[in-house]
C-alpha atoms as a PDB file:
ATOM      1  CA  MET A   1     -14.237  -6.539  22.907  1.00  0.00           C
ATOM      2  CA  LYS A   2     -16.206  -8.197  20.118  1.00  0.00           C
ATOM      3  CA  ILE A   3     -17.453  -5.824  17.408  1.00  0.00           C
ATOM      4  CA  PRO A   4     -21.067  -6.590  16.479  1.00  0.00           C
ATOM      5  CA  ILE A   5     -22.224  -6.868  12.902  1.00  0.00           C
ATOM      6  CA  SER A   6     -23.865  -3.593  11.953  1.00  0.00           C
ATOM      7  CA  GLU A   7     -27.100  -3.252  10.015  1.00  0.00           C
ATOM      8  CA  ASN A   8     -25.870   0.012   8.505  1.00  0.00           C
ATOM      9  CA  THR A   9     -26.126   0.394   4.740  1.00  0.00           C
ATOM     10  CA  ILE A  10     -22.744   0.578   3.046  1.00  0.00           C
ATOM     11  CA  THR A  11     -22.785   3.142   0.279  1.00  0.00           C
ATOM     12  CA  HIS A  12     -20.978   2.508  -3.010  1.00  0.00           C
ATOM     13  CA  ASN A  13     -20.499   6.220  -3.562  1.00  0.00           C
ATOM     14  CA  ILE A  14     -17.129   6.254  -1.893  1.00  0.00           C
ATOM     15  CA  LEU A  15     -15.747   9.680  -2.712  1.00  0.00           C
ATOM     16  CA  ASP A  16     -18.112  12.609  -2.599  1.00  0.00           C
ATOM     17  CA  SER A  17     -15.265  14.849  -3.723  1.00  0.00           C
ATOM     18  CA  CYS A  18     -14.696  12.848  -6.931  1.00  0.00           C
ATOM     19  CA  THR A  19     -17.044  12.937  -9.896  1.00  0.00           C
ATOM     20  CA  GLU A  20     -16.129   9.338 -10.736  1.00  0.00           C
ATOM     21  CA  ILE A  21     -13.828   6.613  -9.534  1.00  0.00           C
ATOM     22  CA  ASN A  22     -12.732   4.992 -12.766  1.00  0.00           C
ATOM     23  CA  LEU A  23      -9.207   3.906 -13.551  1.00  0.00           C
ATOM     24  CA  ARG A  24      -9.334   4.777 -17.248  1.00  0.00           C
ATOM     25  CA  GLY A  25      -6.002   2.974 -17.597  1.00  0.00           C
ATOM     26  CA  ASN A  26      -4.323   5.203 -15.005  1.00  0.00           C
ATOM     27  CA  ILE A  27      -2.899   4.674 -11.533  1.00  0.00           C
ATOM     28  CA  GLN A  28      -4.988   5.827  -8.587  1.00  0.00           C
ATOM     29  CA  ILE A  29      -3.592   6.202  -5.084  1.00  0.00           C
ATOM     30  CA  HIS A  30      -5.780   6.597  -2.002  1.00  0.00           C
ATOM     31  CA  SER A  31      -4.542   7.567   1.456  1.00  0.00           C
ATOM     32  CA  VAL A  32      -6.520   7.478   4.708  1.00  0.00           C
ATOM     33  CA  PHE A  33      -6.115   8.020   8.451  1.00  0.00           C
ATOM     34  CA  LEU A  34      -6.990   4.832  10.313  1.00  0.00           C
ATOM     35  CA  GLY A  35      -7.542   6.260  13.789  1.00  0.00           C
ATOM     36  CA  GLN A  36     -11.329   6.023  13.620  1.00  0.00           C
ATOM     37  CA  SER A  37     -14.109   5.487  16.137  1.00  0.00           C
ATOM     38  CA  GLU A  38     -15.741   2.188  17.040  1.00  0.00           C
ATOM     39  CA  LYS A  39     -18.815   3.322  15.104  1.00  0.00           C
ATOM     40  CA  VAL A  40     -16.805   3.669  11.891  1.00  0.00           C
ATOM     41  CA  ALA A  41     -14.986   0.360  12.461  1.00  0.00           C
ATOM     42  CA  THR A  42     -18.311  -1.381  13.090  1.00  0.00           C
ATOM     43  CA  GLY A  43     -19.620  -0.193   9.725  1.00  0.00           C
ATOM     44  CA  TYR A  44     -16.645  -1.708   7.947  1.00  0.00           C
ATOM     45  CA  TYR A  45     -16.826  -4.870  10.036  1.00  0.00           C
ATOM     46  CA  SER A  46     -20.232  -5.634   8.577  1.00  0.00           C
ATOM     47  CA  ILE A  47     -18.822  -6.119   5.061  1.00  0.00           C
ATOM     48  CA  LEU A  48     -15.868  -8.332   5.974  1.00  0.00           C
ATOM     49  CA  SER A  49     -15.800 -12.034   5.221  1.00  0.00           C
ATOM     50  CA  GLN A  50     -16.090 -14.451   8.114  1.00  0.00           C
ATOM     51  CA  GLU A  51     -12.387 -15.233   7.804  1.00  0.00           C
ATOM     52  CA  GLU A  52     -11.546 -11.520   8.052  1.00  0.00           C
ATOM     53  CA  LYS A  53     -13.825 -11.119  11.078  1.00  0.00           C
ATOM     54  CA  ASN A  54     -12.085 -14.034  12.762  1.00  0.00           C
ATOM     55  CA  ARG A  55      -8.728 -12.397  12.116  1.00  0.00           C
ATOM     56  CA  ALA A  56      -9.995  -9.093  13.504  1.00  0.00           C
ATOM     57  CA  GLU A  57     -11.092 -10.726  16.745  1.00  0.00           C
ATOM     58  CA  LYS A  58      -7.549 -11.988  17.385  1.00  0.00           C
ATOM     59  CA  PHE A  59      -6.246  -8.465  18.001  1.00  0.00           C
ATOM     60  CA  LYS A  60      -6.011  -7.736  21.714  1.00  0.00           C
ATOM     61  CA  LEU A  61      -6.035  -3.934  21.551  1.00  0.00           C
ATOM     62  CA  ASP A  62      -9.159  -2.198  20.255  1.00  0.00           C
ATOM     63  CA  GLU A  63      -7.089   0.527  18.565  1.00  0.00           C
ATOM     64  CA  VAL A  64      -5.131  -2.015  16.536  1.00  0.00           C
ATOM     65  CA  LYS A  65      -8.279  -4.001  15.787  1.00  0.00           C
ATOM     66  CA  PHE A  66     -10.154  -0.916  14.545  1.00  0.00           C
ATOM     67  CA  ARG A  67      -7.250   0.062  12.280  1.00  0.00           C
ATOM     68  CA  TRP A  68      -7.111  -3.400  10.730  1.00  0.00           C
ATOM     69  CA  ILE A  69     -10.873  -3.472  10.181  1.00  0.00           C
ATOM     70  CA  VAL A  70     -10.901  -0.036   8.525  1.00  0.00           C
ATOM     71  CA  THR A  71      -7.915  -0.969   6.330  1.00  0.00           C
ATOM     72  CA  ARG A  72      -9.516  -4.176   5.111  1.00  0.00           C
ATOM     73  CA  GLY A  73     -13.051  -2.846   4.864  1.00  0.00           C
ATOM     74  CA  LEU A  74     -11.966   0.196   2.900  1.00  0.00           C
ATOM     75  CA  LEU A  75     -10.105  -2.062   0.464  1.00  0.00           C
ATOM     76  CA  ARG A  76     -13.379  -3.859  -0.188  1.00  0.00           C
ATOM     77  CA  VAL A  77     -15.317  -0.623  -0.728  1.00  0.00           C
ATOM     78  CA  LEU A  78     -12.692   0.796  -3.081  1.00  0.00           C
ATOM     79  CA  LEU A  79     -12.535  -2.420  -5.096  1.00  0.00           C
ATOM     80  CA  ALA A  80     -16.341  -2.572  -5.196  1.00  0.00           C
ATOM     81  CA  ASN A  81     -16.409   0.827  -6.884  1.00  0.00           C
ATOM     82  CA  TYR A  82     -13.935  -0.267  -9.538  1.00  0.00           C
ATOM     83  CA  ILE A  83     -15.503  -3.672 -10.126  1.00  0.00           C
ATOM     84  CA  GLU A  84     -19.076  -2.382  -9.680  1.00  0.00           C
ATOM     85  CA  CYS A  85     -20.264  -4.948  -7.185  1.00  0.00           C
ATOM     86  CA  ASP A  86     -21.223  -5.204  -3.530  1.00  0.00           C
ATOM     87  CA  PRO A  87     -18.193  -4.941  -1.172  1.00  0.00           C
ATOM     88  CA  GLY A  88     -19.205  -8.104   0.622  1.00  0.00           C
ATOM     89  CA  GLU A  89     -19.201 -10.133  -2.601  1.00  0.00           C
ATOM     90  CA  ILE A  90     -15.490  -9.723  -3.286  1.00  0.00           C
ATOM     91  CA  GLU A  91     -13.366 -12.820  -2.764  1.00  0.00           C
ATOM     92  CA  PHE A  92      -9.638 -12.751  -2.152  1.00  0.00           C
ATOM     93  CA  ARG A  93      -6.985 -15.356  -2.763  1.00  0.00           C
ATOM     94  CA  ASN A  94      -3.348 -15.097  -1.736  1.00  0.00           C
ATOM     95  CA  ASN A  95      -0.498 -16.209  -3.956  1.00  0.00           C
ATOM     96  CA  LYS A  96       2.051 -18.610  -2.486  1.00  0.00           C
ATOM     97  CA  TYR A  97       3.967 -15.661  -0.996  1.00  0.00           C
ATOM     98  CA  GLY A  98       0.875 -14.175   0.680  1.00  0.00           C
ATOM     99  CA  LYS A  99       0.060 -11.349  -1.746  1.00  0.00           C
ATOM    100  CA  PRO A 100      -3.739 -10.810  -1.915  1.00  0.00           C
ATOM    101  CA  LEU A 101      -5.473 -10.930  -5.291  1.00  0.00           C
ATOM    102  CA  VAL A 102      -9.100 -10.469  -6.303  1.00  0.00           C
ATOM    103  CA  TYR A 103     -10.646 -13.826  -7.093  1.00  0.00           C
ATOM    104  CA  SER A 104     -14.118 -14.181  -8.561  1.00  0.00           C
ATOM    105  CA  PRO A 105     -15.313 -15.525 -11.906  1.00  0.00           C
ATOM    106  CA  LEU A 106     -18.255 -13.111 -11.736  1.00  0.00           C
ATOM    107  CA  PHE A 107     -16.267  -9.879 -11.815  1.00  0.00           C
ATOM    108  CA  ASP A 108     -13.656  -8.154 -13.939  1.00  0.00           C
ATOM    109  CA  SER A 109     -10.299  -9.534 -12.780  1.00  0.00           C
ATOM    110  CA  ARG A 110      -8.095  -7.116 -14.711  1.00  0.00           C
ATOM    111  CA  ILE A 111      -7.735  -4.803 -11.730  1.00  0.00           C
ATOM    112  CA  SER A 112      -4.377  -4.769  -9.957  1.00  0.00           C
ATOM    113  CA  PHE A 113      -4.011  -3.415  -6.444  1.00  0.00           C
ATOM    114  CA  ASN A 114      -1.797  -3.275  -3.421  1.00  0.00           C
ATOM    115  CA  LEU A 115      -2.002  -1.683   0.025  1.00  0.00           C
ATOM    116  CA  SER A 116       0.235  -0.819   2.931  1.00  0.00           C
ATOM    117  CA  HIS A 117      -0.222   0.707   6.375  1.00  0.00           C
ATOM    118  CA  SER A 118       2.005   2.205   9.032  1.00  0.00           C
ATOM    119  CA  SER A 119       0.845   3.505  12.401  1.00  0.00           C
ATOM    120  CA  ASN A 120      -2.471   5.290  11.707  1.00  0.00           C
ATOM    121  CA  VAL A 121      -2.054   5.731   7.935  1.00  0.00           C
ATOM    122  CA  ALA A 122      -2.941   3.400   5.066  1.00  0.00           C
ATOM    123  CA  VAL A 123      -2.261   3.796   1.345  1.00  0.00           C
ATOM    124  CA  TYR A 124      -3.799   1.906  -1.577  1.00  0.00           C
ATOM    125  CA  VAL A 125      -2.834   1.773  -5.249  1.00  0.00           C
ATOM    126  CA  PHE A 126      -5.027   0.539  -8.119  1.00  0.00           C
ATOM    127  CA  THR A 127      -4.417   0.075 -11.832  1.00  0.00           C
ATOM    128  CA  GLN A 128      -5.274  -2.397 -14.598  1.00  0.00           C
ATOM    129  CA  ASN A 129      -3.295  -5.251 -16.149  1.00  0.00           C
ATOM    130  CA  LYS A 130      -0.099  -4.141 -14.420  1.00  0.00           C
ATOM    131  CA  TYR A 131       2.073  -5.455 -11.636  1.00  0.00           C
ATOM    132  CA  VAL A 132       2.031  -2.843  -8.881  1.00  0.00           C
ATOM    133  CA  GLY A 133       3.278  -2.494  -5.313  1.00  0.00           C
ATOM    134  CA  ILE A 134       3.069   0.178  -2.634  1.00  0.00           C
ATOM    135  CA  ASP A 135       4.656   0.726   0.764  1.00  0.00           C
ATOM    136  CA  VAL A 136       4.303   3.436   3.419  1.00  0.00           C
ATOM    137  CA  GLU A 137       6.353   4.077   6.532  1.00  0.00           C
ATOM    138  CA  MET A 138       6.266   6.642   9.318  1.00  0.00           C
ATOM    139  CA  ILE A 139       9.534   8.579   9.443  1.00  0.00           C
ATOM    140  CA  ASN A 140      11.172   7.711  12.775  1.00  0.00           C
ATOM    141  CA  GLU A 141      14.668   7.835  14.172  1.00  0.00           C
ATOM    142  CA  ILE A 142      16.358   4.468  13.708  1.00  0.00           C
ATOM    143  CA  PRO A 143      18.833   3.746  16.516  1.00  0.00           C
ATOM    144  CA  ASN A 144      20.441   0.804  14.671  1.00  0.00           C
ATOM    145  CA  LEU A 145      20.423   2.452  11.232  1.00  0.00           C
ATOM    146  CA  ARG A 146      23.956   1.302  10.421  1.00  0.00           C
ATOM    147  CA  ASP A 147      23.025  -2.329  11.042  1.00  0.00           C
ATOM    148  CA  VAL A 148      19.901  -2.066   8.866  1.00  0.00           C
ATOM    149  CA  ILE A 149      21.913  -0.506   6.034  1.00  0.00           C
ATOM    150  CA  ASP A 150      24.548  -3.247   6.232  1.00  0.00           C
ATOM    151  CA  LEU A 151      21.842  -5.891   6.025  1.00  0.00           C
ATOM    152  CA  CYS A 152      19.472  -4.419   3.425  1.00  0.00           C
ATOM    153  CA  PHE A 153      21.459  -2.065   1.177  1.00  0.00           C
ATOM    154  CA  HIS A 154      23.283  -2.913  -2.028  1.00  0.00           C
ATOM    155  CA  GLU A 155      27.013  -2.128  -1.940  1.00  0.00           C
ATOM    156  CA  GLU A 156      26.564   0.751  -4.395  1.00  0.00           C
ATOM    157  CA  GLU A 157      23.807   2.249  -2.224  1.00  0.00           C
ATOM    158  CA  LYS A 158      26.041   2.133   0.823  1.00  0.00           C
ATOM    159  CA  LYS A 159      28.636   4.203  -1.021  1.00  0.00           C
ATOM    160  CA  TRP A 160      26.383   7.073  -2.080  1.00  0.00           C
ATOM    161  CA  PHE A 161      24.247   7.010   1.050  1.00  0.00           C
ATOM    162  CA  SER A 162      27.341   7.679   3.173  1.00  0.00           C
ATOM    163  CA  ASN A 163      27.576  11.078   1.441  1.00  0.00           C
ATOM    164  CA  VAL A 164      23.985  12.091   2.231  1.00  0.00           C
ATOM    165  CA  PRO A 165      23.908  14.975   4.774  1.00  0.00           C
ATOM    166  CA  LEU A 166      23.087  13.789   8.276  1.00  0.00           C
ATOM    167  CA  ASN A 167      19.937  15.918   8.488  1.00  0.00           C
ATOM    168  CA  LYS A 168      18.514  14.222   5.375  1.00  0.00           C
ATOM    169  CA  ARG A 169      19.527  10.630   5.993  1.00  0.00           C
ATOM    170  CA  ASN A 170      16.361   9.572   7.782  1.00  0.00           C
ATOM    171  CA  GLU A 171      14.061  10.687   4.991  1.00  0.00           C
ATOM    172  CA  ILE A 172      16.312   9.325   2.241  1.00  0.00           C
ATOM    173  CA  PHE A 173      16.559   6.011   4.085  1.00  0.00           C
ATOM    174  CA  TYR A 174      12.761   5.682   4.101  1.00  0.00           C
ATOM    175  CA  LYS A 175      12.601   6.544   0.414  1.00  0.00           C
ATOM    176  CA  ILE A 176      14.999   3.702  -0.290  1.00  0.00           C
ATOM    177  CA  TRP A 177      13.263   1.322   2.077  1.00  0.00           C
ATOM    178  CA  THR A 178       9.728   1.945   0.788  1.00  0.00           C
ATOM    179  CA  SER A 179      10.955   1.714  -2.819  1.00  0.00           C
ATOM    180  CA  LYS A 180      12.497  -1.696  -2.168  1.00  0.00           C
ATOM    181  CA  GLU A 181       9.386  -2.900  -0.346  1.00  0.00           C
ATOM    182  CA  ALA A 182       7.120  -1.643  -3.141  1.00  0.00           C
ATOM    183  CA  TYR A 183       9.153  -3.533  -5.764  1.00  0.00           C
ATOM    184  CA  ILE A 184       9.126  -6.745  -3.715  1.00  0.00           C
ATOM    185  CA  LYS A 185       5.359  -6.407  -3.292  1.00  0.00           C
ATOM    186  CA  ALA A 186       4.907  -5.666  -7.005  1.00  0.00           C
ATOM    187  CA  ILE A 187       6.601  -8.905  -8.007  1.00  0.00           C
ATOM    188  CA  GLY A 188       4.584 -10.695  -5.318  1.00  0.00           C
ATOM    189  CA  LYS A 189       7.473 -12.527  -3.660  1.00  0.00           C
ATOM    190  CA  GLY A 190       7.370 -11.063  -0.164  1.00  0.00           C
ATOM    191  CA  PHE A 191      10.287 -11.708   2.160  1.00  0.00           C
ATOM    192  CA  SER A 192      11.639 -14.424  -0.122  1.00  0.00           C
ATOM    193  CA  PHE A 193      13.345 -11.679  -2.158  1.00  0.00           C
ATOM    194  CA  SER A 194      16.277 -10.052  -0.388  1.00  0.00           C
ATOM    195  CA  PRO A 195      16.270  -6.205  -0.447  1.00  0.00           C
ATOM    196  CA  ASP A 196      20.044  -6.036  -0.906  1.00  0.00           C
ATOM    197  CA  LYS A 197      19.550  -7.393  -4.445  1.00  0.00           C
ATOM    198  CA  ILE A 198      17.944  -4.060  -5.354  1.00  0.00           C
ATOM    199  CA  CYS A 199      20.198  -1.096  -6.113  1.00  0.00           C
ATOM    200  CA  LEU A 200      18.695   2.385  -6.216  1.00  0.00           C
ATOM    201  CA  ASP A 201      20.288   5.592  -7.390  1.00  0.00           C
ATOM    202  CA  GLN A 202      19.420   9.160  -6.443  1.00  0.00           C
ATOM    203  CA  ASP A 203      19.413  12.073  -8.867  1.00  0.00           C
ATOM    204  CA  SER A 204      20.360  15.678  -8.110  1.00  0.00           C
ATOM    205  CA  ILE A 205      16.854  16.597  -6.911  1.00  0.00           C
ATOM    206  CA  GLY A 206      16.315  13.560  -4.688  1.00  0.00           C
ATOM    207  CA  GLY A 207      14.398  11.346  -7.116  1.00  0.00           C
ATOM    208  CA  MET A 208      14.999   7.607  -7.023  1.00  0.00           C
ATOM    209  CA  SER A 209      15.443   5.143  -9.869  1.00  0.00           C
ATOM    210  CA  PHE A 210      16.506   1.514 -10.177  1.00  0.00           C
ATOM    211  CA  LYS A 211      20.149   1.106 -11.105  1.00  0.00           C
ATOM    212  CA  GLU A 212      20.233  -2.685 -10.843  1.00  0.00           C
ATOM    213  CA  ILE A 213      18.064  -5.532  -9.613  1.00  0.00           C
ATOM    214  CA  ILE A 214      19.965  -8.788  -9.323  1.00  0.00           C
ATOM    215  CA  GLY A 215      17.981 -11.557 -11.003  1.00  0.00           C
ATOM    216  CA  ASP A 216      15.719  -9.161 -12.938  1.00  0.00           C
ATOM    217  CA  GLN A 217      17.224  -8.440 -16.357  1.00  0.00           C
ATOM    218  CA  ASP A 218      14.140  -6.459 -17.350  1.00  0.00           C
ATOM    219  CA  PHE A 219      14.328  -4.139 -14.321  1.00  0.00           C
ATOM    220  CA  LYS A 220      14.219  -0.952 -16.417  1.00  0.00           C
ATOM    221  CA  LYS A 221      10.521  -1.533 -17.088  1.00  0.00           C
ATOM    222  CA  TRP A 222       9.727  -0.703 -13.466  1.00  0.00           C
ATOM    223  CA  LYS A 223       8.702   2.875 -12.753  1.00  0.00           C
ATOM    224  CA  LEU A 224       9.164   4.276  -9.266  1.00  0.00           C
ATOM    225  CA  LEU A 225       7.405   7.156  -7.562  1.00  0.00           C
ATOM    226  CA  SER A 226       7.913   8.321  -3.970  1.00  0.00           C
ATOM    227  CA  PHE A 227       5.647  10.811  -2.224  1.00  0.00           C
ATOM    228  CA  LYS A 228       4.445  12.010   1.176  1.00  0.00           C
ATOM    229  CA  PRO A 229       0.795  11.053   1.760  1.00  0.00           C
ATOM    230  CA  TYR A 230       0.887  12.980   5.049  1.00  0.00           C
ATOM    231  CA  SER A 231       3.470  14.819   7.087  1.00  0.00           C
ATOM    232  CA  HIS A 232       6.041  12.466   8.647  1.00  0.00           C
ATOM    233  CA  PHE A 233       5.166   9.616   6.275  1.00  0.00           C
ATOM    234  CA  ILE A 234       6.955   8.400   3.143  1.00  0.00           C
ATOM    235  CA  SER A 235       5.322   6.172   0.532  1.00  0.00           C
ATOM    236  CA  SER A 236       6.547   4.655  -2.728  1.00  0.00           C
ATOM    237  CA  ILE A 237       4.845   2.853  -5.589  1.00  0.00           C
ATOM    238  CA  VAL A 238       6.422   0.607  -8.223  1.00  0.00           C
ATOM    239  CA  VAL A 239       4.600  -0.313 -11.434  1.00  0.00           C
ATOM    240  CA  ASP A 240       5.553  -1.899 -14.729  1.00  0.00           C
ATOM    241  CA  GLY A 241       4.586   0.505 -17.468  1.00  0.00           C
ATOM    242  CA  ASP A 242       5.056   3.887 -19.106  1.00  0.00           C
ATOM    243  CA  ASP A 243       2.943   6.993 -19.612  1.00  0.00           C
ATOM    244  CA  LEU A 244       0.493   6.263 -16.817  1.00  0.00           C
ATOM    245  CA  ILE A 245      -1.216   9.241 -15.208  1.00  0.00           C
ATOM    246  CA  THR A 246      -1.137   9.118 -11.413  1.00  0.00           C
ATOM    247  CA  GLU A 247      -4.120  10.421  -9.465  1.00  0.00           C
ATOM    248  CA  TYR A 248      -4.144  11.008  -5.700  1.00  0.00           C
ATOM    249  CA  TYR A 249      -7.118  10.920  -3.332  1.00  0.00           C
ATOM    250  CA  SER A 250      -7.298  11.456   0.421  1.00  0.00           C
ATOM    251  CA  ILE A 251     -10.436   9.904   1.886  1.00  0.00           C
ATOM    252  CA  ASN A 252     -12.421  10.164   5.066  1.00  0.00           C
ATOM    253  CA  PRO A 253     -13.607   6.698   6.100  1.00  0.00           C
ATOM    254  CA  GLN A 254     -16.697   8.022   7.855  1.00  0.00           C
ATOM    255  CA  PHE A 255     -18.432   8.235   4.472  1.00  0.00           C
ATOM    256  CA  ILE A 256     -19.793   4.731   4.915  1.00  0.00           C
ATOM    257  CA  ILE A 257     -21.840   5.507   8.032  1.00  0.00           C
END
């Protein structure tokens, strides 16, 4: 089904619950449920570029199409609030590994962002003049967990992970996985960087930190934070920098209608 272009007005006042949406040098994380109606998806569709609309029309299932449209449209609206422009005016360029970047000589290009989605949840992270990455995954049982660990874990991780209690392994696995993905997205290299080059360590209260990253001698500059945006989901962000305040927002995408 083709989604028509809507004549609805897209508001720039994205978060009624927030007095302002200004980075102020901090990190801001937004989470959203993507399972929205056709009406909501149509509102977002109207602000997409022609290339994005063409991509949207390639999805066979309406549910998947609507999720993609909301994810991409919401990215535009969030960026528009930071950059102070119209959502439809934002231009994106991908680096050679496919990471999207804001491109426009007319707007402030200091903003750094990344997004991720899993099932019906999306997460976004924004900051300034920093490399940043984010990943989110739904916590599911993994039938071939041993094979995934053998392929993607550093040897040191395999040793300590084998001592994790069975009832906690699934959640800890997703903490490790999302942390690795967030780092790879932060450096902008995509699947060209092998996750087994990253070694994470776990402290006594379950926090993660980088113990080694093969090929990155300056790996200690990367700060890692894992959190649960919603029940049954794990997300992690990686950013280069210290003393940054992290702010969380949960948004309802129907605000644009």
